[in-house]
Amino acid sequence: MTERTLTPGPLAALTDDIRDHGYAIVQTRIERVPARLRTEHCTDTGGCPQLATLVTLALAEVTNEADNAIGFGFARVDDDSILRIPTCDEHRIEASHDLYFVLTGRTRPDGIRAFDVLGQHMNWI
């Protein structure tokens, strides 16, 4: 498994990954996402008993919204819900690789990063 690089902003690098790889991988603290998108425990396939502390999501697009807010177009599953992987700190690297594989059927290529958009207001629509 390749190393994951956590990259805080700028959004230009994030949009570059969307352009180059089809998606950008975002990881953020679980308390930053709406309650309806949270899961209490880590969803690692090995059956991890730890509490989830992070959520890994895939962005398909970034838009500029009113009042300088950033709009994110999240990757979605068949029922139109946002595709996400809640995980503990220990399994965060695997989550970003697993999410990319679920989306594309391919192993995540070298160079694709995982982002945390600290300080950015995110619209969760």
Protein backbone atom coordinates (compact mmCIF):
# COMPACT_ATOMS: atom_id res chain seq x y z
CA MET A 1 0.00 0.00 0.00
CA THR A 2 1.38 3.41 -0.92
CA GLU A 3 1.80 6.15 1.67
CA ARG A 4 -1.00 8.66 2.02
CA THR A 5 -0.16 12.33 2.25
CA LEU A 6 -2.60 14.48 4.22
CA THR A 7 -2.70 17.87 2.53
CA PRO A 8 -4.36 20.87 4.22
CA GLY A 9 -5.80 23.24 1.48
CA PRO A 10 -5.30 24.98 -0.89
CA LEU A 11 -8.29 24.00 -2.95
CA ALA A 12 -6.29 24.22 -6.19
CA ALA A 13 -4.48 20.98 -5.30
CA LEU A 14 -7.80 19.33 -4.49
CA THR A 15 -9.34 20.32 -7.83
CA ASP A 16 -6.19 19.07 -9.57
CA ASP A 17 -6.80 15.60 -8.10
CA ILE A 18 -10.41 15.67 -9.29
CA ARG A 19 -9.23 16.58 -12.78
CA ASP A 20 -6.36 14.06 -12.85
CA HIS A 21 -7.91 11.10 -11.01
CA GLY A 22 -11.68 11.60 -11.21
CA TYR A 23 -12.03 12.14 -7.46
CA ALA A 24 -10.32 13.86 -4.56
CA ILE A 25 -10.19 12.05 -1.24
CA VAL A 26 -11.11 14.12 1.83
CA GLN A 27 -10.70 13.05 5.43
CA THR A 28 -12.12 15.11 8.25
CA ARG A 29 -12.90 14.70 11.94
CA ILE A 30 -16.22 12.95 12.48
CA GLU A 31 -17.61 15.84 14.54
CA ARG A 32 -17.33 18.09 11.46
CA VAL A 33 -19.88 16.10 9.44
CA PRO A 34 -23.65 16.17 9.93
CA ALA A 35 -25.00 13.65 12.44
CA ARG A 36 -26.86 11.76 9.71
CA LEU A 37 -23.50 10.91 8.08
CA ARG A 38 -21.82 9.65 11.24
CA THR A 39 -21.32 6.11 12.43
CA GLU A 40 -20.30 5.34 15.97
CA HIS A 41 -17.71 2.63 15.27
CA CYS A 42 -14.87 2.20 12.80
CA THR A 43 -16.10 0.45 9.67
CA ASP A 44 -12.78 -1.25 8.85
CA THR A 45 -13.46 -4.59 7.17
CA GLY A 46 -11.42 -6.40 9.84
CA GLY A 47 -14.10 -5.65 12.43
CA CYS A 48 -12.33 -2.90 14.38
CA PRO A 49 -14.03 -2.26 17.77
CA GLN A 50 -12.71 1.32 18.13
CA LEU A 51 -14.88 4.43 17.90
CA ALA A 52 -14.86 6.28 14.59
CA THR A 53 -12.88 9.52 14.76
CA LEU A 54 -12.62 10.35 11.04
CA VAL A 55 -14.80 10.21 7.96
CA THR A 56 -13.28 9.60 4.52
CA LEU A 57 -15.26 10.99 1.57
CA ALA A 58 -14.71 11.39 -2.16
CA LEU A 59 -15.30 14.69 -3.93
CA ALA A 60 -16.36 14.72 -7.57
CA GLU A 61 -16.45 18.53 -7.91
CA VAL A 62 -15.80 21.80 -6.10
CA THR A 63 -18.02 24.83 -6.66
CA ASN A 64 -18.06 28.39 -5.39
CA GLU A 65 -21.25 29.12 -3.48
CA ALA A 66 -22.76 32.37 -2.21
CA ASP A 67 -20.99 34.25 0.61
CA ASN A 68 -17.58 32.73 -0.27
CA ALA A 69 -18.64 29.25 0.87
CA ILE A 70 -17.20 26.26 -0.93
CA GLY A 71 -19.63 23.72 -2.35
CA PHE A 72 -18.55 20.11 -2.66
CA GLY A 73 -20.12 17.58 -5.00
CA PHE A 74 -19.64 14.30 -3.14
CA ALA A 75 -19.46 10.88 -4.77
CA ARG A 76 -22.74 9.06 -4.16
CA VAL A 77 -24.02 5.50 -4.19
CA ASP A 78 -27.06 4.13 -6.00
CA ASP A 79 -29.59 5.43 -3.45
CA ASP A 80 -28.04 8.93 -3.86
CA SER A 81 -26.49 8.94 -0.38
CA ILE A 82 -22.97 10.28 0.09
CA LEU A 83 -20.36 7.53 -0.08
CA ARG A 84 -18.29 7.65 3.09
CA ILE A 85 -16.10 5.49 5.29
CA PRO A 86 -16.11 6.30 9.03
CA THR A 87 -12.87 5.07 10.58
CA CYS A 88 -10.60 5.29 13.58
CA ASP A 89 -7.20 7.01 13.40
CA GLU A 90 -5.45 3.65 13.06
CA HIS A 91 -7.31 2.70 9.85
CA ARG A 92 -7.36 6.10 8.13
CA ILE A 93 -4.82 5.16 5.45
CA GLU A 94 -6.72 2.01 4.49
CA ALA A 95 -9.98 3.99 4.31
CA SER A 96 -8.67 6.36 1.64
CA HIS A 97 -7.39 3.44 -0.44
CA ASP A 98 -10.60 1.45 0.05
CA LEU A 99 -12.78 4.40 -0.95
CA TYR A 100 -10.84 4.97 -4.16
CA PHE A 101 -11.12 1.27 -5.00
CA VAL A 102 -14.90 1.26 -4.38
CA LEU A 103 -15.29 4.24 -6.70
CA THR A 104 -13.06 3.13 -9.55
CA GLY A 105 -12.37 -0.59 -9.21
CA ARG A 106 -8.68 0.27 -9.28
CA THR A 107 -5.92 0.59 -6.71
CA ARG A 108 -5.35 4.20 -5.75
CA PRO A 109 -2.43 5.55 -7.85
CA ASP A 110 0.71 7.07 -6.39
CA GLY A 111 0.42 10.80 -6.00
CA ILE A 112 -3.26 11.09 -5.13
CA ARG A 113 -3.55 12.81 -1.78
CA ALA A 114 -6.01 12.86 1.09
CA PHE A 115 -7.15 16.37 2.01
CA ASP A 116 -8.50 18.02 5.11
CA VAL A 117 -10.08 21.38 4.36
CA LEU A 118 -9.56 23.03 7.72
CA GLY A 119 -11.27 26.36 8.12
CA GLN A 120 -13.47 25.87 5.05
CA HIS A 121 -17.24 26.02 5.36
CA MET A 122 -18.62 22.92 3.64
CA ASN A 123 -22.15 22.66 2.29
CA TRP A 124 -23.46 19.15 3.05
CA ILE A 125 -26.31 19.02 0.55
